[in-house]
Each structure stands twice: as C-alpha cells, then as structure tokens.
Amino acid sequence: MYIAKPKPPASKKEGLPQLLDRILDKGIGVDIRLKAKLVDFKLIEARGILTLASFKTAAKHGLPFPKGTNFETPAWKNLLLKEECPQCRKLIRLEDIETGCPFCGFWGE
C-alpha cells in the first residue's frame, strides 16, 4: 500500500523578505529588564523597550516618533489615508472603502 506524503502549501514557503515584511506589518515589542546583585548589593540595573515596526504600524498604535518628525509631508499623508482591504490585503484609499475595493470588489463586512 502506498501512502503519499502531503505537500506543504505553496503559501507556506516564505523567505527572509516575506518574514521581514510580516514582522514590520504586525510589529514586535520586547520589554527587557536586567538586574545584577551580589548578596544584597545592587551592581547594575537596566530596563529597555525594543520596538520593531513599520512607520504605518507605529503610527496606527500610537508609538512615539523622534522630535521634529514632519507628518505634513505628502508621503505621510498618503500613508495615513490608506487602509488595507480585509480580503485582498492591498492598500486602498479610505474613501474607496465605502464604495468597495477596486482590486477585488470587497464591499462591507
């Protein structure tokens, strides 16, 4: 009797660019705390927060940007005026959401 091994779905093949794109799209946050003591004497104590995300993800979640960041540039305005289509995942203008996605036709929820 022959039993065929199932093949992994083609969409599961992801390289480094796809992995990096997914990480930047979702964002990663790491809270780091370090303490070093000798008996009851504190030698060192440090705390840090590491965040890795795209500019759009950071803006969406309200993460702080460096002082002097100019949000009035055309690139920022274009980025913040688009939303991802839930079906095809392409960026579309906010006003197109009401009339449907021009790529896949998705309309409503």
PDB file of N, CA and C in Angstrom:
ATOM      1  N   MET A   1       0.837  -1.169   0.000  1.00  0.00           N
ATOM      2  CA  MET A   1       0.000   0.000   0.000  1.00  0.00           C
ATOM      3  C   MET A   1       0.889   1.242   0.000  1.00  0.00           C
ATOM      4  N   TYR A   2       0.601   2.195  -0.868  1.00  0.00           N
ATOM      5  CA  TYR A   2       1.385   3.419  -0.999  1.00  0.00           C
ATOM      6  C   TYR A   2       0.626   4.577  -0.348  1.00  0.00           C
ATOM      7  N   ILE A   3       1.304   5.274   0.560  1.00  0.00           N
ATOM      8  CA  ILE A   3       0.715   6.439   1.210  1.00  0.00           C
ATOM      9  C   ILE A   3       1.558   7.649   0.830  1.00  0.00           C
ATOM     10  N   ALA A   4       0.921   8.575   0.146  1.00  0.00           N
ATOM     11  CA  ALA A   4       1.637   9.775  -0.296  1.00  0.00           C
ATOM     12  C   ALA A   4       1.776  10.749   0.864  1.00  0.00           C
ATOM     13  N   LYS A   5       2.945  11.370   0.944  1.00  0.00           N
ATOM     14  CA  LYS A   5       3.162  12.389   1.961  1.00  0.00           C
ATOM     15  C   LYS A   5       2.515  13.685   1.494  1.00  0.00           C
ATOM     16  N   PRO A   6       1.801  14.358   2.384  1.00  0.00           N
ATOM     17  CA  PRO A   6       1.189  15.622   1.968  1.00  0.00           C
ATOM     18  C   PRO A   6       2.253  16.680   1.703  1.00  0.00           C
ATOM     19  N   LYS A   7       2.021  17.443   0.659  1.00  0.00           N
ATOM     20  CA  LYS A   7       2.944  18.523   0.327  1.00  0.00           C
ATOM     21  C   LYS A   7       2.551  19.758   1.112  1.00  0.00           C
ATOM     22  N   PRO A   8       3.551  20.511   1.581  1.00  0.00           N
ATOM     23  CA  PRO A   8       3.209  21.758   2.276  1.00  0.00           C
ATOM     24  C   PRO A   8       2.584  22.738   1.299  1.00  0.00           C
ATOM     25  N   PRO A   9       1.613  23.537   1.767  1.00  0.00           N
ATOM     26  CA  PRO A   9       1.007  24.533   0.882  1.00  0.00           C
ATOM     27  C   PRO A   9       2.049  25.494   0.336  1.00  0.00           C
ATOM     28  N   ALA A  10       1.846  25.915  -0.894  1.00  0.00           N
ATOM     29  CA  ALA A  10       2.806  26.818  -1.543  1.00  0.00           C
ATOM     30  C   ALA A  10       2.945  28.133  -0.785  1.00  0.00           C
ATOM     31  N   SER A  11       1.870  28.565  -0.129  1.00  0.00           N
ATOM     32  CA  SER A  11       1.922  29.839   0.572  1.00  0.00           C
ATOM     33  C   SER A  11       2.794  29.771   1.826  1.00  0.00           C
ATOM     34  N   LYS A  12       3.108  28.579   2.292  1.00  0.00           N
ATOM     35  CA  LYS A  12       3.937  28.447   3.484  1.00  0.00           C
ATOM     36  C   LYS A  12       5.416  28.680   3.182  1.00  0.00           C
ATOM     37  N   LYS A  13       5.784  28.661   1.899  1.00  0.00           N
ATOM     38  CA  LYS A  13       7.179  28.918   1.540  1.00  0.00           C
ATOM     39  C   LYS A  13       7.425  30.411   1.644  1.00  0.00           C
ATOM     40  N   GLU A  14       8.133  30.793   2.669  1.00  0.00           N
ATOM     41  CA  GLU A  14       8.425  32.206   2.861  1.00  0.00           C
ATOM     42  C   GLU A  14       9.918  32.386   3.046  1.00  0.00           C
ATOM     43  N   GLY A  15      10.424  33.386   2.403  1.00  0.00           N
ATOM     44  CA  GLY A  15      11.822  33.711   2.555  1.00  0.00           C
ATOM     45  C   GLY A  15      11.992  34.847   3.547  1.00  0.00           C
ATOM     46  N   LEU A  16      13.199  35.321   3.657  1.00  0.00           N
ATOM     47  CA  LEU A  16      13.509  36.413   4.576  1.00  0.00           C
ATOM     48  C   LEU A  16      12.728  37.690   4.257  1.00  0.00           C
ATOM     49  N   PRO A  17      12.585  38.085   2.981  1.00  0.00           N
ATOM     50  CA  PRO A  17      11.818  39.308   2.705  1.00  0.00           C
ATOM     51  C   PRO A  17      10.359  39.216   3.175  1.00  0.00           C
ATOM     52  N   GLN A  18       9.714  38.066   2.969  1.00  0.00           N
ATOM     53  CA  GLN A  18       8.328  37.909   3.405  1.00  0.00           C
ATOM     54  C   GLN A  18       8.223  37.910   4.921  1.00  0.00           C
ATOM     55  N   LEU A  19       9.187  37.290   5.586  1.00  0.00           N
ATOM     56  CA  LEU A  19       9.196  37.261   7.044  1.00  0.00           C
ATOM     57  C   LEU A  19       9.389  38.669   7.610  1.00  0.00           C
ATOM     58  N   LEU A  20      10.330  39.413   7.042  1.00  0.00           N
ATOM     59  CA  LEU A  20      10.573  40.784   7.491  1.00  0.00           C
ATOM     60  C   LEU A  20       9.353  41.662   7.241  1.00  0.00           C
ATOM     61  N   ASP A  21       8.708  41.486   6.100  1.00  0.00           N
ATOM     62  CA  ASP A  21       7.500  42.253   5.796  1.00  0.00           C
ATOM     63  C   ASP A  21       6.399  41.956   6.811  1.00  0.00           C
ATOM     64  N   ARG A  22       6.232  40.699   7.181  1.00  0.00           N
ATOM     65  CA  ARG A  22       5.212  40.329   8.167  1.00  0.00           C
ATOM     66  C   ARG A  22       5.533  40.909   9.541  1.00  0.00           C
ATOM     67  N   ILE A  23       6.807  40.849   9.932  1.00  0.00           N
ATOM     68  CA  ILE A  23       7.212  41.392  11.236  1.00  0.00           C
ATOM     69  C   ILE A  23       6.964  42.898  11.286  1.00  0.00           C
ATOM     70  N   LEU A  24       7.354  43.613  10.222  1.00  0.00           N
ATOM     71  CA  LEU A  24       7.152  45.063  10.200  1.00  0.00           C
ATOM     72  C   LEU A  24       5.676  45.420  10.147  1.00  0.00           C
ATOM     73  N   ASP A  25       4.872  44.591   9.472  1.00  0.00           N
ATOM     74  CA  ASP A  25       3.440  44.849   9.381  1.00  0.00           C
ATOM     75  C   ASP A  25       2.748  44.658  10.727  1.00  0.00           C
ATOM     76  N   LYS A  26       3.107  43.623  11.449  1.00  0.00           N
ATOM     77  CA  LYS A  26       2.483  43.336  12.746  1.00  0.00           C
ATOM     78  C   LYS A  26       3.156  44.089  13.883  1.00  0.00           C
ATOM     79  N   GLY A  27       4.473  44.196  13.837  1.00  0.00           N
ATOM     80  CA  GLY A  27       5.229  44.855  14.902  1.00  0.00           C
ATOM     81  C   GLY A  27       5.613  43.879  16.014  1.00  0.00           C
ATOM     82  N   ILE A  28       6.738  44.144  16.622  1.00  0.00           N
ATOM     83  CA  ILE A  28       7.232  43.328  17.738  1.00  0.00           C
ATOM     84  C   ILE A  28       7.674  44.275  18.842  1.00  0.00           C
ATOM     85  N   GLY A  29       7.311  43.959  20.052  1.00  0.00           N
ATOM     86  CA  GLY A  29       7.749  44.735  21.205  1.00  0.00           C
ATOM     87  C   GLY A  29       8.394  43.821  22.228  1.00  0.00           C
ATOM     88  N   VAL A  30       9.543  44.206  22.733  1.00  0.00           N
ATOM     89  CA  VAL A  30      10.261  43.412  23.727  1.00  0.00           C
ATOM     90  C   VAL A  30      10.590  44.317  24.915  1.00  0.00           C
ATOM     91  N   ASP A  31      10.185  43.896  26.089  1.00  0.00           N
ATOM     92  CA  ASP A  31      10.474  44.636  27.322  1.00  0.00           C
ATOM     93  C   ASP A  31      11.627  43.900  28.014  1.00  0.00           C
ATOM     94  N   ILE A  32      12.741  44.597  28.218  1.00  0.00           N
ATOM     95  CA  ILE A  32      13.945  43.976  28.769  1.00  0.00           C
ATOM     96  C   ILE A  32      14.248  44.570  30.138  1.00  0.00           C
ATOM     97  N   ARG A  33      14.464  43.721  31.109  1.00  0.00           N
ATOM     98  CA  ARG A  33      14.878  44.157  32.446  1.00  0.00           C
ATOM     99  C   ARG A  33      16.085  43.328  32.865  1.00  0.00           C
ATOM    100  N   LEU A  34      17.086  44.004  33.355  1.00  0.00           N
ATOM    101  CA  LEU A  34      18.321  43.342  33.747  1.00  0.00           C
ATOM    102  C   LEU A  34      18.709  43.812  35.142  1.00  0.00           C
ATOM    103  N   LYS A  35      18.953  42.857  36.023  1.00  0.00           N
ATOM    104  CA  LYS A  35      19.414  43.182  37.379  1.00  0.00           C
ATOM    105  C   LYS A  35      20.572  42.257  37.719  1.00  0.00           C
ATOM    106  N   ALA A  36      21.589  42.830  38.291  1.00  0.00           N
ATOM    107  CA  ALA A  36      22.728  42.040  38.763  1.00  0.00           C
ATOM    108  C   ALA A  36      22.993  42.426  40.225  1.00  0.00           C
ATOM    109  N   LYS A  37      22.929  41.417  41.096  1.00  0.00           N
ATOM    110  CA  LYS A  37      23.157  41.656  42.527  1.00  0.00           C
ATOM    111  C   LYS A  37      24.265  40.757  43.030  1.00  0.00           C
ATOM    112  N   LEU A  38      24.970  41.237  44.020  1.00  0.00           N
ATOM    113  CA  LEU A  38      25.950  40.441  44.736  1.00  0.00           C
ATOM    114  C   LEU A  38      25.531  40.514  46.194  1.00  0.00           C
ATOM    115  N   VAL A  39      25.037  39.414  46.694  1.00  0.00           N
ATOM    116  CA  VAL A  39      24.423  39.317  48.021  1.00  0.00           C
ATOM    117  C   VAL A  39      23.237  40.298  48.044  1.00  0.00           C
ATOM    118  N   ASP A  40      23.277  41.371  48.804  1.00  0.00           N
ATOM    119  CA  ASP A  40      22.194  42.348  48.822  1.00  0.00           C
ATOM    120  C   ASP A  40      22.628  43.671  48.196  1.00  0.00           C
ATOM    121  N   PHE A  41      23.720  43.657  47.479  1.00  0.00           N
ATOM    122  CA  PHE A  41      24.251  44.873  46.873  1.00  0.00           C
ATOM    123  C   PHE A  41      23.931  44.870  45.377  1.00  0.00           C
ATOM    124  N   LYS A  42      23.214  45.894  44.941  1.00  0.00           N
ATOM    125  CA  LYS A  42      22.852  46.010  43.529  1.00  0.00           C
ATOM    126  C   LYS A  42      24.066  46.487  42.731  1.00  0.00           C
ATOM    127  N   LEU A  43      24.508  45.667  41.780  1.00  0.00           N
ATOM    128  CA  LEU A  43      25.629  46.057  40.928  1.00  0.00           C
ATOM    129  C   LEU A  43      25.156  46.874  39.726  1.00  0.00           C
ATOM    130  N   ILE A  44      24.123  46.386  39.088  1.00  0.00           N
ATOM    131  CA  ILE A  44      23.615  47.079  37.904  1.00  0.00           C
ATOM    132  C   ILE A  44      22.129  46.767  37.756  1.00  0.00           C
ATOM    133  N   GLU A  45      21.414  47.752  37.253  1.00  0.00           N
ATOM    134  CA  GLU A  45      20.004  47.562  36.947  1.00  0.00           C
ATOM    135  C   GLU A  45      19.700  48.371  35.699  1.00  0.00           C
ATOM    136  N   ALA A  46      19.082  47.738  34.711  1.00  0.00           N
ATOM    137  CA  ALA A  46      18.771  48.419  33.453  1.00  0.00           C
ATOM    138  C   ALA A  46      17.423  47.940  32.944  1.00  0.00           C
ATOM    139  N   ARG A  47      16.765  48.815  32.223  1.00  0.00           N
ATOM    140  CA  ARG A  47      15.485  48.474  31.625  1.00  0.00           C
ATOM    141  C   ARG A  47      15.425  49.110  30.247  1.00  0.00           C
ATOM    142  N   GLY A  48      14.875  48.384  29.309  1.00  0.00           N
ATOM    143  CA  GLY A  48      14.749  48.922  27.962  1.00  0.00           C
ATOM    144  C   GLY A  48      13.555  48.330  27.247  1.00  0.00           C
ATOM    145  N   ILE A  49      13.062  49.063  26.295  1.00  0.00           N
ATOM    146  CA  ILE A  49      11.967  48.590  25.465  1.00  0.00           C
ATOM    147  C   ILE A  49      12.421  48.672  24.016  1.00  0.00           C
ATOM    148  N   LEU A  50      12.343  47.558  23.328  1.00  0.00           N
ATOM    149  CA  LEU A  50      12.732  47.474  21.929  1.00  0.00           C
ATOM    150  C   LEU A  50      11.470  47.273  21.104  1.00  0.00           C
ATOM    151  N   THR A  51      11.262  48.129  20.124  1.00  0.00           N
ATOM    152  CA  THR A  51      10.090  48.029  19.256  1.00  0.00           C
ATOM    153  C   THR A  51      10.559  48.001  17.819  1.00  0.00           C
ATOM    154  N   LEU A  52      10.042  47.048  17.072  1.00  0.00           N
ATOM    155  CA  LEU A  52      10.358  46.929  15.649  1.00  0.00           C
ATOM    156  C   LEU A  52       9.038  46.894  14.895  1.00  0.00           C
ATOM    157  N   ALA A  53       8.779  47.940  14.099  1.00  0.00           N
ATOM    158  CA  ALA A  53       7.530  48.032  13.343  1.00  0.00           C
ATOM    159  C   ALA A  53       7.711  48.993  12.180  1.00  0.00           C
ATOM    160  N   SER A  54       6.840  48.872  11.205  1.00  0.00           N
ATOM    161  CA  SER A  54       6.869  49.832  10.094  1.00  0.00           C
ATOM    162  C   SER A  54       6.322  51.165  10.587  1.00  0.00           C
ATOM    163  N   PHE A  55       6.540  52.226   9.826  1.00  0.00           N
ATOM    164  CA  PHE A  55       6.036  53.538  10.220  1.00  0.00           C
ATOM    165  C   PHE A  55       4.514  53.525  10.325  1.00  0.00           C
ATOM    166  N   LYS A  56       3.859  52.836   9.391  1.00  0.00           N
ATOM    167  CA  LYS A  56       2.395  52.796   9.414  1.00  0.00           C
ATOM    168  C   LYS A  56       1.893  52.077  10.664  1.00  0.00           C
ATOM    169  N   THR A  57       2.503  50.940  11.014  1.00  0.00           N
ATOM    170  CA  THR A  57       2.098  50.197  12.210  1.00  0.00           C
ATOM    171  C   THR A  57       2.360  51.026  13.458  1.00  0.00           C
ATOM    172  N   ALA A  58       3.502  51.696  13.504  1.00  0.00           N
ATOM    173  CA  ALA A  58       3.831  52.526  14.664  1.00  0.00           C
ATOM    174  C   ALA A  58       2.834  53.673  14.817  1.00  0.00           C
ATOM    175  N   ALA A  59       2.476  54.313  13.709  1.00  0.00           N
ATOM    176  CA  ALA A  59       1.520  55.416  13.769  1.00  0.00           C
ATOM    177  C   ALA A  59       0.136  54.911  14.171  1.00  0.00           C
ATOM    178  N   LYS A  60      -0.230  53.743  13.676  1.00  0.00           N
ATOM    179  CA  LYS A  60      -1.548  53.168  13.978  1.00  0.00           C
ATOM    180  C   LYS A  60      -1.707  52.853  15.462  1.00  0.00           C
ATOM    181  N   HIS A  61      -0.623  52.421  16.100  1.00  0.00           N
ATOM    182  CA  HIS A  61      -0.681  52.041  17.515  1.00  0.00           C
ATOM    183  C   HIS A  61      -0.226  53.160  18.454  1.00  0.00           C
ATOM    184  N   GLY A  62       0.076  54.320  17.897  1.00  0.00           N
ATOM    185  CA  GLY A  62       0.413  55.475  18.727  1.00  0.00           C
ATOM    186  C   GLY A  62       1.798  55.431  19.350  1.00  0.00           C
ATOM    187  N   LEU A  63       2.734  54.752  18.708  1.00  0.00           N
ATOM    188  CA  LEU A  63       4.100  54.727  19.226  1.00  0.00           C
ATOM    189  C   LEU A  63       4.756  56.083  18.999  1.00  0.00           C
ATOM    190  N   PRO A  64       5.644  56.514  19.905  1.00  0.00           N
ATOM    191  CA  PRO A  64       6.264  57.835  19.763  1.00  0.00           C
ATOM    192  C   PRO A  64       7.277  57.872  18.616  1.00  0.00           C
ATOM    193  N   PHE A  65       7.337  59.014  17.947  1.00  0.00           N
ATOM    194  CA  PHE A  65       8.314  59.246  16.888  1.00  0.00           C
ATOM    195  C   PHE A  65       9.327  60.267  17.382  1.00  0.00           C
ATOM    196  N   PRO A  66      10.501  60.326  16.755  1.00  0.00           N
ATOM    197  CA  PRO A  66      11.509  61.302  17.187  1.00  0.00           C
ATOM    198  C   PRO A  66      11.001  62.728  17.074  1.00  0.00           C
ATOM    199  N   LYS A  67      11.567  63.610  17.910  1.00  0.00           N
ATOM    200  CA  LYS A  67      11.208  65.026  17.850  1.00  0.00           C
ATOM    201  C   LYS A  67      11.506  65.560  16.458  1.00  0.00           C
ATOM    202  N   GLY A  68      10.621  66.404  15.974  1.00  0.00           N
ATOM    203  CA  GLY A  68      10.847  67.025  14.678  1.00  0.00           C
ATOM    204  C   GLY A  68      10.339  66.222  13.496  1.00  0.00           C
ATOM    205  N   THR A  69       9.691  65.081  13.722  1.00  0.00           N
ATOM    206  CA  THR A  69       9.144  64.304  12.614  1.00  0.00           C
ATOM    207  C   THR A  69       8.029  65.110  11.952  1.00  0.00           C
ATOM    208  N   ASN A  70       8.149  65.336  10.663  1.00  0.00           N
ATOM    209  CA  ASN A  70       7.178  66.142   9.930  1.00  0.00           C
ATOM    210  C   ASN A  70       6.103  65.238   9.334  1.00  0.00           C
ATOM    211  N   PHE A  71       4.916  65.255   9.938  1.00  0.00           N
ATOM    212  CA  PHE A  71       3.812  64.422   9.478  1.00  0.00           C
ATOM    213  C   PHE A  71       3.019  65.096   8.356  1.00  0.00           C
ATOM    214  N   GLU A  72       3.439  66.282   7.925  1.00  0.00           N
ATOM    215  CA  GLU A  72       2.722  67.019   6.890  1.00  0.00           C
ATOM    216  C   GLU A  72       3.275  66.756   5.490  1.00  0.00           C
ATOM    217  N   THR A  73       4.236  65.856   5.354  1.00  0.00           N
ATOM    218  CA  THR A  73       4.794  65.558   4.034  1.00  0.00           C
ATOM    219  C   THR A  73       3.780  64.743   3.222  1.00  0.00           C
ATOM    220  N   PRO A  74       3.860  64.812   1.893  1.00  0.00           N
ATOM    221  CA  PRO A  74       2.924  64.039   1.059  1.00  0.00           C
ATOM    222  C   PRO A  74       2.993  62.532   1.317  1.00  0.00           C
ATOM    223  N   ALA A  75       4.179  62.021   1.598  1.00  0.00           N
ATOM    224  CA  ALA A  75       4.312  60.582   1.850  1.00  0.00           C
ATOM    225  C   ALA A  75       3.538  60.161   3.098  1.00  0.00           C
ATOM    226  N   TRP A  76       3.637  60.944   4.182  1.00  0.00           N
ATOM    227  CA  TRP A  76       2.896  60.627   5.406  1.00  0.00           C
ATOM    228  C   TRP A  76       1.403  60.722   5.177  1.00  0.00           C
ATOM    229  N   LYS A  77       0.979  61.785   4.502  1.00  0.00           N
ATOM    230  CA  LYS A  77      -0.451  61.959   4.246  1.00  0.00           C
ATOM    231  C   LYS A  77      -0.994  60.802   3.423  1.00  0.00           C
ATOM    232  N   ASN A  78      -0.249  60.378   2.412  1.00  0.00           N
ATOM    233  CA  ASN A  78      -0.660  59.262   1.566  1.00  0.00           C
ATOM    234  C   ASN A  78      -0.732  57.966   2.370  1.00  0.00           C
ATOM    235  N   LEU A  79       0.240  57.750   3.239  1.00  0.00           N
ATOM    236  CA  LEU A  79       0.294  56.523   4.031  1.00  0.00           C
ATOM    237  C   LEU A  79      -0.856  56.450   5.031  1.00  0.00           C
ATOM    238  N   LEU A  80      -1.153  57.564   5.681  1.00  0.00           N
ATOM    239  CA  LEU A  80      -2.179  57.563   6.713  1.00  0.00           C
ATOM    240  C   LEU A  80      -3.592  57.638   6.145  1.00  0.00           C
ATOM    241  N   LEU A  81      -3.730  57.920   4.855  1.00  0.00           N
ATOM    242  CA  LEU A  81      -5.051  57.983   4.246  1.00  0.00           C
ATOM    243  C   LEU A  81      -5.426  56.696   3.525  1.00  0.00           C
ATOM    244  N   LYS A  82      -4.697  55.623   3.770  1.00  0.00           N
ATOM    245  CA  LYS A  82      -4.990  54.342   3.142  1.00  0.00           C
ATOM    246  C   LYS A  82      -5.221  53.281   4.208  1.00  0.00           C
ATOM    247  N   GLU A  83      -6.029  52.294   3.849  1.00  0.00           N
ATOM    248  CA  GLU A  83      -6.338  51.179   4.747  1.00  0.00           C
ATOM    249  C   GLU A  83      -6.203  49.890   3.956  1.00  0.00           C
ATOM    250  N   GLU A  84      -5.921  48.807   4.650  1.00  0.00           N
ATOM    251  CA  GLU A  84      -5.748  47.513   3.998  1.00  0.00           C
ATOM    252  C   GLU A  84      -7.099  46.854   3.771  1.00  0.00           C
ATOM    253  N   CYS A  85      -7.316  46.346   2.567  1.00  0.00           N
ATOM    254  CA  CYS A  85      -8.545  45.614   2.256  1.00  0.00           C
ATOM    255  C   CYS A  85      -8.505  44.285   3.013  1.00  0.00           C
ATOM    256  N   PRO A  86      -9.561  43.918   3.737  1.00  0.00           N
ATOM    257  CA  PRO A  86      -9.540  42.672   4.512  1.00  0.00           C
ATOM    258  C   PRO A  86      -9.485  41.421   3.646  1.00  0.00           C
ATOM    259  N   GLN A  87      -9.883  41.530   2.381  1.00  0.00           N
ATOM    260  CA  GLN A  87      -9.900  40.348   1.532  1.00  0.00           C
ATOM    261  C   GLN A  87      -8.609  40.165   0.739  1.00  0.00           C
ATOM    262  N   CYS A  88      -8.193  41.193  -0.003  1.00  0.00           N
ATOM    263  CA  CYS A  88      -7.007  41.037  -0.865  1.00  0.00           C
ATOM    264  C   CYS A  88      -5.735  41.604  -0.246  1.00  0.00           C
ATOM    265  N   ARG A  89      -5.850  42.320   0.893  1.00  0.00           N
ATOM    266  CA  ARG A  89      -4.720  42.855   1.650  1.00  0.00           C
ATOM    267  C   ARG A  89      -3.978  43.987   0.937  1.00  0.00           C
ATOM    268  N   LYS A  90      -4.557  44.571  -0.108  1.00  0.00           N
ATOM    269  CA  LYS A  90      -3.917  45.692  -0.785  1.00  0.00           C
ATOM    270  C   LYS A  90      -4.354  46.993  -0.133  1.00  0.00           C
ATOM    271  N   LEU A  91      -3.476  47.997  -0.182  1.00  0.00           N
ATOM    272  CA  LEU A  91      -3.805  49.292   0.396  1.00  0.00           C
ATOM    273  C   LEU A  91      -4.724  50.061  -0.538  1.00  0.00           C
ATOM    274  N   ILE A  92      -5.840  50.549   0.027  1.00  0.00           N
ATOM    275  CA  ILE A  92      -6.779  51.340  -0.760  1.00  0.00           C
ATOM    276  C   ILE A  92      -7.088  52.626  -0.013  1.00  0.00           C
ATOM    277  N   ARG A  93      -7.515  53.646  -0.740  1.00  0.00           N
ATOM    278  CA  ARG A  93      -7.853  54.915  -0.113  1.00  0.00           C
ATOM    279  C   ARG A  93      -9.076  54.749   0.784  1.00  0.00           C
ATOM    280  N   LEU A  94      -9.118  55.517   1.868  1.00  0.00           N
ATOM    281  CA  LEU A  94     -10.222  55.412   2.821  1.00  0.00           C
ATOM    282  C   LEU A  94     -11.569  55.691   2.160  1.00  0.00           C
ATOM    283  N   GLU A  95     -11.612  56.630   1.215  1.00  0.00           N
ATOM    284  CA  GLU A  95     -12.898  56.920   0.576  1.00  0.00           C
ATOM    285  C   GLU A  95     -13.367  55.778  -0.322  1.00  0.00           C
ATOM    286  N   ASP A  96     -12.436  54.908  -0.779  1.00  0.00           N
ATOM    287  CA  ASP A  96     -12.821  53.761  -1.607  1.00  0.00           C
ATOM    288  C   ASP A  96     -13.412  52.620  -0.776  1.00  0.00           C
ATOM    289  N   ILE A  97     -13.191  52.637   0.529  1.00  0.00           N
ATOM    290  CA  ILE A  97     -13.728  51.579   1.378  1.00  0.00           C
ATOM    291  C   ILE A  97     -15.252  51.581   1.314  1.00  0.00           C
ATOM    292  N   GLU A  98     -15.854  52.781   1.228  1.00  0.00           N
ATOM    293  CA  GLU A  98     -17.317  52.884   1.199  1.00  0.00           C
ATOM    294  C   GLU A  98     -17.913  52.355  -0.106  1.00  0.00           C
ATOM    295  N   THR A  99     -17.156  52.459  -1.209  1.00  0.00           N
ATOM    296  CA  THR A  99     -17.679  52.005  -2.500  1.00  0.00           C
ATOM    297  C   THR A  99     -17.156  50.636  -2.903  1.00  0.00           C
ATOM    298  N   GLY A 100     -16.241  50.067  -2.138  1.00  0.00           N
ATOM    299  CA  GLY A 100     -15.704  48.744  -2.441  1.00  0.00           C
ATOM    300  C   GLY A 100     -14.268  48.805  -2.919  1.00  0.00           C
ATOM    301  N   CYS A 101     -13.565  47.718  -2.719  1.00  0.00           N
ATOM    302  CA  CYS A 101     -12.154  47.623  -3.120  1.00  0.00           C
ATOM    303  C   CYS A 101     -12.058  47.593  -4.643  1.00  0.00           C
ATOM    304  N   PRO A 102     -11.240  48.471  -5.246  1.00  0.00           N
ATOM    305  CA  PRO A 102     -11.115  48.471  -6.706  1.00  0.00           C
ATOM    306  C   PRO A 102     -10.353  47.261  -7.240  1.00  0.00           C
ATOM    307  N   PHE A 103      -9.655  46.524  -6.370  1.00  0.00           N
ATOM    308  CA  PHE A 103      -8.873  45.370  -6.815  1.00  0.00           C
ATOM    309  C   PHE A 103      -9.676  44.087  -6.796  1.00  0.00           C
ATOM    310  N   CYS A 104     -10.380  43.814  -5.681  1.00  0.00           N
ATOM    311  CA  CYS A 104     -11.082  42.533  -5.552  1.00  0.00           C
ATOM    312  C   CYS A 104     -12.600  42.677  -5.464  1.00  0.00           C
ATOM    313  N   GLY A 105     -13.087  43.915  -5.305  1.00  0.00           N
ATOM    314  CA  GLY A 105     -14.529  44.126  -5.239  1.00  0.00           C
ATOM    315  C   GLY A 105     -15.126  43.955  -3.849  1.00  0.00           C
ATOM    316  N   PHE A 106     -14.294  43.699  -2.836  1.00  0.00           N
ATOM    317  CA  PHE A 106     -14.813  43.513  -1.491  1.00  0.00           C
ATOM    318  C   PHE A 106     -15.556  44.761  -1.046  1.00  0.00           C
ATOM    319  N   TRP A 107     -16.730  44.545  -0.446  1.00  0.00           N
ATOM    320  CA  TRP A 107     -17.542  45.666  -0.002  1.00  0.00           C
ATOM    321  C   TRP A 107     -18.198  45.304   1.312  1.00  0.00           C
ATOM    322  N   GLY A 108     -17.992  46.119   2.320  1.00  0.00           N
ATOM    323  CA  GLY A 108     -18.619  45.892   3.615  1.00  0.00           C
ATOM    324  C   GLY A 108     -17.944  44.791   4.413  1.00  0.00           C
ATOM    325  N   GLU A 109     -18.585  44.436   5.522  1.00  0.00           N
ATOM    326  CA  GLU A 109     -18.002  43.412   6.385  1.00  0.00           C
ATOM    327  C   GLU A 109     -18.826  42.231   6.399  1.00  0.00           C
TER     328      GLU A 109
END
